[in-house]
Each structure stands twice: as C-alpha cells, then as structure tokens.
Amino acid sequence: MEKINIQEKFALFTERWSPRIIARVGDVHVKLGRIQGAFEWHSHEDEDEMFLVIEGRMTLRFRDRDVELGPGECLVVPRGVEHMPVADEETKIMMIEPAGTVNTGGNVSERTVEARWV
C-alpha cells in the first residue's frame, strides 16, 4: 500500500488520448489522461465511465446536449450512451471505469489504445 501523487504521475507522460492506469480498486481501474482537441463518438455497451477534471476544462458531447466540466467537476456516462470528449486546451482528467474498458468502446480505430500502468 503506497500513496499516489497524481501530479507526479501526470509528470511521467505527455501523450494525449493515451490513458494511464494508476490504481485498481476491485475490478475497476483509476486512469489519468491528458486530452486536447476532439476524440471520437463512441459508447461502452457494458461499462459506466466517470470523468473527473483535475486541471483545465472539457466538454462531454452527447447527441442531445453538451456538458461542460471544470476542475473538481465530474460526470458519469452510463453504459450504452454515445459520447465524445472535447477539450480546447490541454486538460488533465481522471477516469474511473471497469478494468479492460477500451477507450474507443466498440469502435476500433487509430485512436484505440490499451491503457498502460504508469
């Protein structure tokens, strides 16, 4: 059991849209990510996904509305809901989702990456 310093973990990587796992809680991964620009529309058929903004601002786009998130704000995207994360400037986020969740959901594209431990 060791404490985790989130800012120290962010300092270990600079790639955007390439989440890093920092902890496992049961069958759930806690991930950090750096994002900028628009991702792609996708959904996770079997997994809920929580986004927490650590630094910066992001928008979670849904087909019927947009939700803006700033530092300290979070949102849970229920399984099966199509969404697209967007950030105008680099934004640091934490994601909490079941282990094995693919970042692009059921879509396989050039943006599909396997989360790695940092």
C-alpha atoms as a PDB file:
ATOM      1  CA  MET A   1       0.000   0.000   0.000  1.00  0.00           C
ATOM      2  CA  GLU A   2       1.605   3.193  -1.196  1.00  0.00           C
ATOM      3  CA  LYS A   3       0.149   6.659  -1.586  1.00  0.00           C
ATOM      4  CA  ILE A   4      -0.263   8.004  -5.108  1.00  0.00           C
ATOM      5  CA  ASN A   5       0.657  11.567  -6.025  1.00  0.00           C
ATOM      6  CA  ILE A   6      -1.491  12.427  -9.024  1.00  0.00           C
ATOM      7  CA  GLN A   7       0.676  15.327 -10.231  1.00  0.00           C
ATOM      8  CA  GLU A   8       3.795  13.149 -10.066  1.00  0.00           C
ATOM      9  CA  LYS A   9       2.005  10.532 -12.180  1.00  0.00           C
ATOM     10  CA  PHE A  10       0.974  13.171 -14.749  1.00  0.00           C
ATOM     11  CA  ALA A  11       4.642  14.239 -14.975  1.00  0.00           C
ATOM     12  CA  LEU A  12       5.560  10.732 -16.186  1.00  0.00           C
ATOM     13  CA  PHE A  13       3.773  11.026 -19.541  1.00  0.00           C
ATOM     14  CA  THR A  14       2.913  13.688 -22.106  1.00  0.00           C
ATOM     15  CA  GLU A  15       0.949  11.751 -24.735  1.00  0.00           C
ATOM     16  CA  ARG A  16      -2.633  12.847 -25.255  1.00  0.00           C
ATOM     17  CA  TRP A  17      -5.556  10.454 -25.567  1.00  0.00           C
ATOM     18  CA  SER A  18      -3.451   7.640 -24.124  1.00  0.00           C
ATOM     19  CA  PRO A  19      -4.792   6.847 -20.642  1.00  0.00           C
ATOM     20  CA  ARG A  20      -2.518   5.560 -17.885  1.00  0.00           C
ATOM     21  CA  ILE A  21      -3.653   3.317 -15.049  1.00  0.00           C
ATOM     22  CA  ILE A  22      -2.634   4.498 -11.582  1.00  0.00           C
ATOM     23  CA  ALA A  23      -4.692   2.162  -9.372  1.00  0.00           C
ATOM     24  CA  ARG A  24      -7.005  -0.813  -9.320  1.00  0.00           C
ATOM     25  CA  VAL A  25      -9.971  -0.913  -6.947  1.00  0.00           C
ATOM     26  CA  GLY A  26     -11.555  -4.346  -7.176  1.00  0.00           C
ATOM     27  CA  ASP A  27     -12.456  -4.761 -10.842  1.00  0.00           C
ATOM     28  CA  VAL A  28     -12.188  -1.024 -11.568  1.00  0.00           C
ATOM     29  CA  HIS A  29      -9.247   0.943 -12.967  1.00  0.00           C
ATOM     30  CA  VAL A  30      -8.438   4.515 -11.985  1.00  0.00           C
ATOM     31  CA  LYS A  31      -6.817   6.178 -15.007  1.00  0.00           C
ATOM     32  CA  LEU A  32      -5.225   9.524 -15.779  1.00  0.00           C
ATOM     33  CA  GLY A  33      -5.317  11.151 -19.167  1.00  0.00           C
ATOM     34  CA  ARG A  34      -4.179  14.243 -20.979  1.00  0.00           C
ATOM     35  CA  ILE A  35      -6.645  15.361 -23.618  1.00  0.00           C
ATOM     36  CA  GLN A  36      -6.824  18.145 -26.190  1.00  0.00           C
ATOM     37  CA  GLY A  37      -8.991  18.509 -29.263  1.00  0.00           C
ATOM     38  CA  ALA A  38     -11.929  16.241 -30.048  1.00  0.00           C
ATOM     39  CA  PHE A  39     -11.908  12.493 -29.554  1.00  0.00           C
ATOM     40  CA  GLU A  40     -14.427  10.386 -31.499  1.00  0.00           C
ATOM     41  CA  TRP A  41     -18.041   9.453 -30.964  1.00  0.00           C
ATOM     42  CA  HIS A  42     -18.243   6.154 -29.112  1.00  0.00           C
ATOM     43  CA  SER A  43     -20.092   4.242 -26.412  1.00  0.00           C
ATOM     44  CA  HIS A  44     -19.289   1.483 -23.965  1.00  0.00           C
ATOM     45  CA  GLU A  45     -22.055  -1.103 -24.152  1.00  0.00           C
ATOM     46  CA  ASP A  46     -21.246  -2.799 -20.838  1.00  0.00           C
ATOM     47  CA  GLU A  47     -19.330  -0.187 -18.837  1.00  0.00           C
ATOM     48  CA  ASP A  48     -20.179   3.014 -16.999  1.00  0.00           C
ATOM     49  CA  GLU A  49     -17.403   5.613 -17.153  1.00  0.00           C
ATOM     50  CA  MET A  50     -16.663   8.513 -14.812  1.00  0.00           C
ATOM     51  CA  PHE A  51     -14.719  11.599 -15.932  1.00  0.00           C
ATOM     52  CA  LEU A  52     -13.203  13.946 -13.312  1.00  0.00           C
ATOM     53  CA  VAL A  53     -11.383  17.102 -14.417  1.00  0.00           C
ATOM     54  CA  ILE A  54      -8.164  17.670 -12.468  1.00  0.00           C
ATOM     55  CA  GLU A  55      -6.879  20.677 -14.428  1.00  0.00           C
ATOM     56  CA  GLY A  56      -8.320  22.552 -17.420  1.00  0.00           C
ATOM     57  CA  ARG A  57     -11.802  22.307 -18.948  1.00  0.00           C
ATOM     58  CA  MET A  58     -13.554  19.739 -21.079  1.00  0.00           C
ATOM     59  CA  THR A  59     -16.881  19.205 -22.776  1.00  0.00           C
ATOM     60  CA  LEU A  60     -18.644  15.882 -22.917  1.00  0.00           C
ATOM     61  CA  ARG A  61     -20.778  15.952 -26.026  1.00  0.00           C
ATOM     62  CA  PHE A  62     -23.878  13.832 -26.230  1.00  0.00           C
ATOM     63  CA  ARG A  63     -26.251  13.566 -29.170  1.00  0.00           C
ATOM     64  CA  ASP A  64     -28.825  15.730 -27.350  1.00  0.00           C
ATOM     65  CA  ARG A  65     -26.655  18.138 -25.316  1.00  0.00           C
ATOM     66  CA  ASP A  66     -23.173  19.193 -24.179  1.00  0.00           C
ATOM     67  CA  VAL A  67     -21.931  19.174 -20.585  1.00  0.00           C
ATOM     68  CA  GLU A  68     -19.027  21.454 -19.601  1.00  0.00           C
ATOM     69  CA  LEU A  69     -16.711  20.307 -16.802  1.00  0.00           C
ATOM     70  CA  GLY A  70     -14.085  22.316 -14.938  1.00  0.00           C
ATOM     71  CA  PRO A  71     -11.584  21.448 -12.208  1.00  0.00           C
ATOM     72  CA  GLY A  72     -13.130  19.350  -9.455  1.00  0.00           C
ATOM     73  CA  GLU A  73     -16.231  18.504 -11.521  1.00  0.00           C
ATOM     74  CA  CYS A  74     -17.162  15.037 -12.684  1.00  0.00           C
ATOM     75  CA  LEU A  75     -19.805  13.209 -14.668  1.00  0.00           C
ATOM     76  CA  VAL A  76     -20.727   9.554 -15.009  1.00  0.00           C
ATOM     77  CA  VAL A  77     -21.556   8.431 -18.539  1.00  0.00           C
ATOM     78  CA  PRO A  78     -23.880   5.429 -18.245  1.00  0.00           C
ATOM     79  CA  ARG A  79     -23.184   2.312 -20.294  1.00  0.00           C
ATOM     80  CA  GLY A  80     -24.511   2.463 -23.821  1.00  0.00           C
ATOM     81  CA  VAL A  81     -24.629   6.284 -24.025  1.00  0.00           C
ATOM     82  CA  GLU A  82     -22.810   7.679 -27.048  1.00  0.00           C
ATOM     83  CA  HIS A  83     -20.416  10.497 -26.152  1.00  0.00           C
ATOM     84  CA  MET A  84     -17.428  12.469 -27.392  1.00  0.00           C
ATOM     85  CA  PRO A  85     -14.898  14.158 -25.054  1.00  0.00           C
ATOM     86  CA  VAL A  86     -13.546  17.507 -26.280  1.00  0.00           C
ATOM     87  CA  ALA A  87     -11.023  19.940 -24.768  1.00  0.00           C
ATOM     88  CA  ASP A  88      -9.951  23.212 -26.398  1.00  0.00           C
ATOM     89  CA  GLU A  89      -6.725  23.282 -24.371  1.00  0.00           C
ATOM     90  CA  GLU A  90      -4.763  20.506 -22.724  1.00  0.00           C
ATOM     91  CA  THR A  91      -6.828  19.147 -19.865  1.00  0.00           C
ATOM     92  CA  LYS A  92      -5.837  16.622 -17.227  1.00  0.00           C
ATOM     93  CA  ILE A  93      -8.553  14.159 -16.315  1.00  0.00           C
ATOM     94  CA  MET A  94      -9.117  11.122 -14.150  1.00  0.00           C
ATOM     95  CA  MET A  95     -11.328   8.306 -15.412  1.00  0.00           C
ATOM     96  CA  ILE A  96     -12.823   5.556 -13.325  1.00  0.00           C
ATOM     97  CA  GLU A  97     -14.121   2.571 -15.258  1.00  0.00           C
ATOM     98  CA  PRO A  98     -14.153  -1.225 -15.208  1.00  0.00           C
ATOM     99  CA  ALA A  99     -10.796  -2.881 -15.911  1.00  0.00           C
ATOM    100  CA  GLY A 100     -10.479  -3.768 -19.568  1.00  0.00           C
ATOM    101  CA  THR A 101     -12.591  -0.861 -20.838  1.00  0.00           C
ATOM    102  CA  VAL A 102     -11.418   0.083 -24.338  1.00  0.00           C
ATOM    103  CA  ASN A 103     -11.027   3.849 -24.807  1.00  0.00           C
ATOM    104  CA  THR A 104     -12.962   3.824 -28.100  1.00  0.00           C
ATOM    105  CA  GLY A 105     -15.708   1.496 -26.879  1.00  0.00           C
ATOM    106  CA  GLY A 106     -16.958  -0.809 -29.621  1.00  0.00           C
ATOM    107  CA  ASN A 107     -15.168   1.202 -32.326  1.00  0.00           C
ATOM    108  CA  VAL A 108     -11.692   0.099 -33.336  1.00  0.00           C
ATOM    109  CA  SER A 109      -9.731   2.931 -34.935  1.00  0.00           C
ATOM    110  CA  GLU A 110      -6.309   4.558 -34.999  1.00  0.00           C
ATOM    111  CA  ARG A 111      -7.274   6.121 -31.660  1.00  0.00           C
ATOM    112  CA  THR A 112      -7.771   2.760 -29.934  1.00  0.00           C
ATOM    113  CA  VAL A 113      -5.048   2.233 -27.337  1.00  0.00           C
ATOM    114  CA  GLU A 114      -4.570  -0.164 -24.478  1.00  0.00           C
ATOM    115  CA  ALA A 115      -4.222   1.645 -21.161  1.00  0.00           C
ATOM    116  CA  ARG A 116      -0.829   1.078 -19.521  1.00  0.00           C
ATOM    117  CA  TRP A 117       0.292   1.366 -15.936  1.00  0.00           C
ATOM    118  CA  VAL A 118       2.313   4.427 -15.052  1.00  0.00           C
END
